[in-house]
Amino acid sequence: MEAKSQTAARTSTTQTPENLATEEVVIAVDVDDEE
């Protein structure tokens, strides 16, 4: 849960296409890790 909160905060702070793409990957990995 902490990881998701940090990711959301980062996405809100930095709205750069490159960053968004990176964050998307992080989220995907985070969800996969939970499984």
PDB file of N, CA and C in Angstrom:
ATOM      1  N   MET A   1       0.840  -1.200   0.000  1.00  0.00           N
ATOM      2  CA  MET A   1       0.000   0.000   0.000  1.00  0.00           C
ATOM      3  C   MET A   1       0.878   1.255   0.000  1.00  0.00           C
ATOM      4  N   GLU A   2       1.962   1.202   0.719  1.00  0.00           N
ATOM      5  CA  GLU A   2       2.865   2.361   0.765  1.00  0.00           C
ATOM      6  C   GLU A   2       3.375   2.704  -0.625  1.00  0.00           C
ATOM      7  N   ALA A   3       3.741   1.672  -1.362  1.00  0.00           N
ATOM      8  CA  ALA A   3       4.283   1.879  -2.712  1.00  0.00           C
ATOM      9  C   ALA A   3       3.265   2.597  -3.585  1.00  0.00           C
ATOM     10  N   LYS A   4       2.012   2.192  -3.488  1.00  0.00           N
ATOM     11  CA  LYS A   4       0.972   2.811  -4.315  1.00  0.00           C
ATOM     12  C   LYS A   4       0.797   4.279  -3.930  1.00  0.00           C
ATOM     13  N   SER A   5       0.830   4.585  -2.640  1.00  0.00           N
ATOM     14  CA  SER A   5       0.674   5.971  -2.194  1.00  0.00           C
ATOM     15  C   SER A   5       1.809   6.834  -2.733  1.00  0.00           C
ATOM     16  N   GLN A   6       3.019   6.315  -2.633  1.00  0.00           N
ATOM     17  CA  GLN A   6       4.182   7.057  -3.124  1.00  0.00           C
ATOM     18  C   GLN A   6       4.087   7.265  -4.633  1.00  0.00           C
ATOM     19  N   THR A   7       3.632   6.253  -5.338  1.00  0.00           N
ATOM     20  CA  THR A   7       3.516   6.350  -6.796  1.00  0.00           C
ATOM     21  C   THR A   7       2.501   7.420  -7.161  1.00  0.00           C
ATOM     22  N   ALA A   8       1.382   7.435  -6.465  1.00  0.00           N
ATOM     23  CA  ALA A   8       0.346   8.426  -6.750  1.00  0.00           C
ATOM     24  C   ALA A   8       0.884   9.833  -6.498  1.00  0.00           C
ATOM     25  N   ALA A   9       1.621   9.994  -5.422  1.00  0.00           N
ATOM     26  CA  ALA A   9       2.185  11.296  -5.098  1.00  0.00           C
ATOM     27  C   ALA A   9       3.187  11.732  -6.161  1.00  0.00           C
ATOM     28  N   ARG A  10       4.007  10.805  -6.601  1.00  0.00           N
ATOM     29  CA  ARG A  10       5.003  11.130  -7.631  1.00  0.00           C
ATOM     30  C   ARG A  10       4.330  11.537  -8.929  1.00  0.00           C
ATOM     31  N   THR A  11       3.314  10.802  -9.315  1.00  0.00           N
ATOM     32  CA  THR A  11       2.613  11.105 -10.565  1.00  0.00           C
ATOM     33  C   THR A  11       1.977  12.486 -10.477  1.00  0.00           C
ATOM     34  N   SER A  12       1.474  12.830  -9.296  1.00  0.00           N
ATOM     35  CA  SER A  12       0.821  14.120  -9.117  1.00  0.00           C
ATOM     36  C   SER A  12       1.847  15.253  -9.173  1.00  0.00           C
ATOM     37  N   THR A  13       3.034  14.979  -8.656  1.00  0.00           N
ATOM     38  CA  THR A  13       4.076  16.007  -8.629  1.00  0.00           C
ATOM     39  C   THR A  13       4.696  16.191 -10.006  1.00  0.00           C
ATOM     40  N   THR A  14       5.040  15.101 -10.645  1.00  0.00           N
ATOM     41  CA  THR A  14       5.698  15.192 -11.949  1.00  0.00           C
ATOM     42  C   THR A  14       4.791  14.626 -13.031  1.00  0.00           C
ATOM     43  N   GLN A  15       4.244  15.513 -13.840  1.00  0.00           N
ATOM     44  CA  GLN A  15       3.339  15.066 -14.906  1.00  0.00           C
ATOM     45  C   GLN A  15       4.072  15.105 -16.243  1.00  0.00           C
ATOM     46  N   THR A  16       5.158  14.369 -16.332  1.00  0.00           N
ATOM     47  CA  THR A  16       5.907  14.311 -17.583  1.00  0.00           C
ATOM     48  C   THR A  16       5.609  12.986 -18.274  1.00  0.00           C
ATOM     49  N   PRO A  17       5.383  13.012 -19.568  1.00  0.00           N
ATOM     50  CA  PRO A  17       5.091  11.778 -20.322  1.00  0.00           C
ATOM     51  C   PRO A  17       6.056  10.651 -19.960  1.00  0.00           C
ATOM     52  N   GLU A  18       7.328  10.985 -19.870  1.00  0.00           N
ATOM     53  CA  GLU A  18       8.328   9.968 -19.555  1.00  0.00           C
ATOM     54  C   GLU A  18       8.108   9.426 -18.147  1.00  0.00           C
ATOM     55  N   ASN A  19       7.869  10.336 -17.203  1.00  0.00           N
ATOM     56  CA  ASN A  19       7.651   9.912 -15.820  1.00  0.00           C
ATOM     57  C   ASN A  19       6.373   9.075 -15.698  1.00  0.00           C
ATOM     58  N   LEU A  20       5.325   9.531 -16.376  1.00  0.00           N
ATOM     59  CA  LEU A  20       4.061   8.795 -16.314  1.00  0.00           C
ATOM     60  C   LEU A  20       4.257   7.368 -16.812  1.00  0.00           C
ATOM     61  N   ALA A  21       5.009   7.232 -17.890  1.00  0.00           N
ATOM     62  CA  ALA A  21       5.260   5.898 -18.442  1.00  0.00           C
ATOM     63  C   ALA A  21       6.024   5.055 -17.419  1.00  0.00           C
ATOM     64  N   THR A  22       6.995   5.668 -16.761  1.00  0.00           N
ATOM     65  CA  THR A  22       7.783   4.940 -15.763  1.00  0.00           C
ATOM     66  C   THR A  22       6.897   4.529 -14.590  1.00  0.00           C
ATOM     67  N   GLU A  23       6.071   5.460 -14.135  1.00  0.00           N
ATOM     68  CA  GLU A  23       5.191   5.160 -13.006  1.00  0.00           C
ATOM     69  C   GLU A  23       4.226   4.029 -13.367  1.00  0.00           C
ATOM     70  N   GLU A  24       3.772   4.036 -14.608  1.00  0.00           N
ATOM     71  CA  GLU A  24       2.845   2.989 -15.046  1.00  0.00           C
ATOM     72  C   GLU A  24       3.502   1.624 -14.897  1.00  0.00           C
ATOM     73  N   VAL A  25       4.755   1.542 -15.264  1.00  0.00           N
ATOM     74  CA  VAL A  25       5.493   0.281 -15.150  1.00  0.00           C
ATOM     75  C   VAL A  25       5.617  -0.100 -13.680  1.00  0.00           C
ATOM     76  N   VAL A  26       5.907   0.883 -12.836  1.00  0.00           N
ATOM     77  CA  VAL A  26       6.046   0.620 -11.401  1.00  0.00           C
ATOM     78  C   VAL A  26       4.746   0.066 -10.843  1.00  0.00           C
ATOM     79  N   ILE A  27       3.634   0.661 -11.241  1.00  0.00           N
ATOM     80  CA  ILE A  27       2.332   0.195 -10.761  1.00  0.00           C
ATOM     81  C   ILE A  27       2.100  -1.247 -11.217  1.00  0.00           C
ATOM     82  N   ALA A  28       2.388  -1.511 -12.475  1.00  0.00           N
ATOM     83  CA  ALA A  28       2.177  -2.857 -13.013  1.00  0.00           C
ATOM     84  C   ALA A  28       3.005  -3.875 -12.223  1.00  0.00           C
ATOM     85  N   VAL A  29       4.243  -3.532 -11.931  1.00  0.00           N
ATOM     86  CA  VAL A  29       5.116  -4.427 -11.174  1.00  0.00           C
ATOM     87  C   VAL A  29       4.585  -4.583  -9.748  1.00  0.00           C
ATOM     88  N   ASP A  30       4.098  -3.494  -9.173  1.00  0.00           N
ATOM     89  CA  ASP A  30       3.587  -3.534  -7.807  1.00  0.00           C
ATOM     90  C   ASP A  30       2.381  -4.468  -7.721  1.00  0.00           C
ATOM     91  N   VAL A  31       1.469  -4.338  -8.673  1.00  0.00           N
ATOM     92  CA  VAL A  31       0.279  -5.185  -8.684  1.00  0.00           C
ATOM     93  C   VAL A  31       0.681  -6.642  -8.875  1.00  0.00           C
ATOM     94  N   ASP A  32       1.623  -6.874  -9.772  1.00  0.00           N
ATOM     95  CA  ASP A  32       2.067  -8.242 -10.043  1.00  0.00           C
ATOM     96  C   ASP A  32       2.734  -8.833  -8.792  1.00  0.00           C
ATOM     97  N   ASP A  33       3.417  -7.986  -8.045  1.00  0.00           N
ATOM     98  CA  ASP A  33       4.110  -8.452  -6.847  1.00  0.00           C
ATOM     99  C   ASP A  33       3.085  -8.886  -5.794  1.00  0.00           C
ATOM    100  N   GLU A  34       1.986  -8.142  -5.706  1.00  0.00           N
ATOM    101  CA  GLU A  34       0.949  -8.491  -4.735  1.00  0.00           C
ATOM    102  C   GLU A  34       0.385  -9.878  -5.040  1.00  0.00           C
ATOM    103  N   GLU A  35       0.255 -10.173  -6.300  1.00  0.00           N
ATOM    104  CA  GLU A  35      -0.277 -11.477  -6.706  1.00  0.00           C
ATOM    105  C   GLU A  35       0.724 -12.555  -6.362  1.00  0.00           C
TER     106      GLU A  35
END
